[in-house]
Amino acid sequence: MKEFELEIITPSKVAYKGKVNAVTVPGTLGSFQILFNHAPLLSSFEIGRIKVKQGETTSEFTTGGGTVEVLDNRVLILADSFESKEEIDVERAKSAYQRAKERLSSHSKDIDISRAEAALARAINRLKFTGNL
């Protein structure tokens, strides 16, 4: 398979940079895969998993959503978060899960429901990825 350049940037760092054969992104209408010579694209993506294929190796990472740009065999992903299994703090994810569940069940008018739902979705994504949910 032919290779293209992939760069993944989070607010705190360049999380990934290198040549790859394929990348799969959790799009807002379902996951989509980018290969060599993909048509130009600008899209948002959701909380989920990003899969990166280099040769025979496929690596998987969690993400909190973001945007992806494809142009001339270069892919730029601006991700809210991008973590391998080893980078995930399971205890922190469990605490975030519990806090979000409590906020959503409190039915308080002071709770930002959409923010609590997003926090819950991120925590569930991390806990499922690490096998803790």
Protein backbone atom coordinates (compact mmCIF):
# COMPACT_ATOMS: atom_id res chain seq x y z
CA MET A 1 0.00 0.00 0.00
CA LYS A 2 1.14 3.52 -0.74
CA GLU A 3 1.84 5.94 2.11
CA PHE A 4 0.74 9.48 2.90
CA GLU A 5 1.70 12.00 5.58
CA LEU A 6 -0.38 12.11 8.79
CA GLU A 7 -0.13 14.75 11.50
CA ILE A 8 -2.33 14.75 14.60
CA ILE A 9 -2.30 17.82 16.82
CA THR A 10 -4.02 18.31 20.18
CA PRO A 11 -4.22 21.58 22.14
CA SER A 12 -1.15 20.52 24.14
CA LYS A 13 1.14 18.75 21.66
CA VAL A 14 1.88 17.23 18.29
CA ALA A 15 0.54 13.77 19.15
CA TYR A 16 1.52 11.94 15.97
CA LYS A 17 3.52 12.66 12.85
CA GLY A 18 4.61 10.21 10.20
CA LYS A 19 3.89 8.27 7.03
CA VAL A 20 0.94 5.84 7.16
CA ASN A 21 -1.05 3.58 4.84
CA ALA A 22 -4.51 4.34 6.24
CA VAL A 23 -6.30 6.24 8.98
CA THR A 24 -9.87 5.64 10.18
CA VAL A 25 -11.71 8.50 11.87
CA PRO A 26 -15.03 8.48 13.82
CA GLY A 27 -17.05 10.80 11.57
CA THR A 28 -20.27 12.46 12.66
CA LEU A 29 -22.25 10.12 10.36
CA GLY A 30 -20.09 7.05 10.94
CA SER A 31 -16.43 6.11 10.70
CA PHE A 32 -14.57 6.75 7.46
CA GLN A 33 -11.18 5.65 6.19
CA ILE A 34 -8.57 7.76 4.42
CA LEU A 35 -6.15 6.11 1.98
CA PHE A 36 -3.49 7.33 -0.46
CA ASN A 37 -4.93 9.75 -3.08
CA HIS A 38 -8.10 10.42 -1.07
CA ALA A 39 -10.21 13.28 -2.42
CA PRO A 40 -9.80 16.64 -0.67
CA LEU A 41 -11.90 16.74 2.48
CA LEU A 42 -12.64 18.95 5.47
CA SER A 43 -14.81 17.34 8.13
CA SER A 44 -15.57 17.28 11.82
CA PHE A 45 -15.46 14.04 13.78
CA GLU A 46 -16.88 12.73 17.04
CA ILE A 47 -15.78 11.11 20.27
CA GLY A 48 -14.51 7.64 19.43
CA ARG A 49 -11.41 5.87 18.16
CA ILE A 50 -8.83 6.74 15.54
CA LYS A 51 -7.08 3.80 13.88
CA VAL A 52 -3.69 4.31 12.23
CA LYS A 53 -2.28 1.64 9.89
CA GLN A 54 1.45 1.48 9.12
CA GLY A 55 2.38 -1.58 7.09
CA GLU A 56 1.06 -4.63 8.95
CA THR A 57 0.60 -2.74 12.23
CA THR A 58 -2.65 -1.02 13.23
CA SER A 59 -2.65 1.23 16.30
CA GLU A 60 -5.79 2.48 18.00
CA PHE A 61 -6.30 5.68 20.01
CA THR A 62 -9.21 7.39 21.75
CA THR A 63 -10.25 10.87 20.71
CA GLY A 64 -12.60 13.52 22.02
CA GLY A 65 -13.55 14.74 18.54
CA GLY A 66 -12.17 17.49 16.33
CA THR A 67 -11.59 18.23 12.65
CA VAL A 68 -9.75 16.49 9.82
CA GLU A 69 -8.37 17.95 6.61
CA VAL A 70 -7.21 15.85 3.64
CA LEU A 71 -5.30 17.54 0.81
CA ASP A 72 -2.63 16.27 -1.60
CA ASN A 73 -1.80 13.09 0.36
CA ARG A 74 -1.42 15.00 3.61
CA VAL A 75 -3.87 14.51 6.47
CA LEU A 76 -4.08 16.98 9.33
CA ILE A 77 -6.17 16.03 12.34
CA LEU A 78 -6.87 18.65 15.00
CA ALA A 79 -8.14 16.56 17.91
CA ASP A 80 -9.57 17.66 21.25
CA SER A 81 -7.73 14.66 22.72
CA PHE A 82 -5.71 11.72 21.38
CA GLU A 83 -4.65 8.94 23.76
CA SER A 84 -3.23 5.44 23.59
CA LYS A 85 -4.39 2.84 26.14
CA GLU A 86 -1.22 3.40 28.14
CA GLU A 87 -1.86 7.15 28.41
CA ILE A 88 -5.36 6.83 29.86
CA ASP A 89 -5.69 7.38 33.60
CA VAL A 90 -8.37 4.78 34.38
CA GLU A 91 -9.10 6.09 37.88
CA ARG A 92 -9.57 9.61 36.53
CA ALA A 93 -11.89 8.28 33.80
CA LYS A 94 -13.91 6.37 36.42
CA SER A 95 -14.25 9.55 38.51
CA ALA A 96 -15.32 11.56 35.45
CA TYR A 97 -17.88 8.87 34.64
CA GLN A 98 -19.35 8.99 38.17
CA ARG A 99 -19.44 12.81 38.25
CA ALA A 100 -21.20 13.01 34.89
CA LYS A 101 -23.76 10.34 35.89
CA GLU A 102 -24.49 12.19 39.16
CA ARG A 103 -24.90 15.52 37.37
CA LEU A 104 -27.26 14.06 34.82
CA SER A 105 -29.37 12.27 37.45
CA SER A 106 -29.61 15.35 39.71
CA HIS A 107 -32.07 17.12 37.34
CA SER A 108 -30.79 20.45 38.69
CA LYS A 109 -31.53 23.46 36.49
CA ASP A 110 -27.95 24.65 37.18
CA ILE A 111 -26.42 21.68 35.33
CA ASP A 112 -25.26 22.16 31.74
CA ILE A 113 -26.80 18.99 30.32
CA SER A 114 -24.91 18.97 27.01
CA ARG A 115 -21.59 19.44 28.81
CA ALA A 116 -22.37 16.63 31.26
CA GLU A 117 -23.44 14.33 28.39
CA ALA A 118 -20.19 15.05 26.51
CA ALA A 119 -18.13 14.37 29.66
CA LEU A 120 -20.00 11.08 30.12
CA ALA A 121 -19.40 10.08 26.48
CA ARG A 122 -15.65 10.81 26.78
CA ALA A 123 -15.40 8.81 30.02
CA ILE A 124 -17.32 5.87 28.52
CA ASN A 125 -15.07 5.95 25.44
CA ARG A 126 -11.92 5.81 27.60
CA LEU A 127 -13.25 3.12 29.93
CA LYS A 128 -14.45 0.87 27.10
CA PHE A 129 -11.13 1.28 25.30
CA THR A 130 -9.20 0.16 28.38
CA GLY A 131 -11.62 -2.69 29.12
CA ASN A 132 -12.92 -1.13 32.34
CA LEU A 133 -16.58 -0.77 31.36
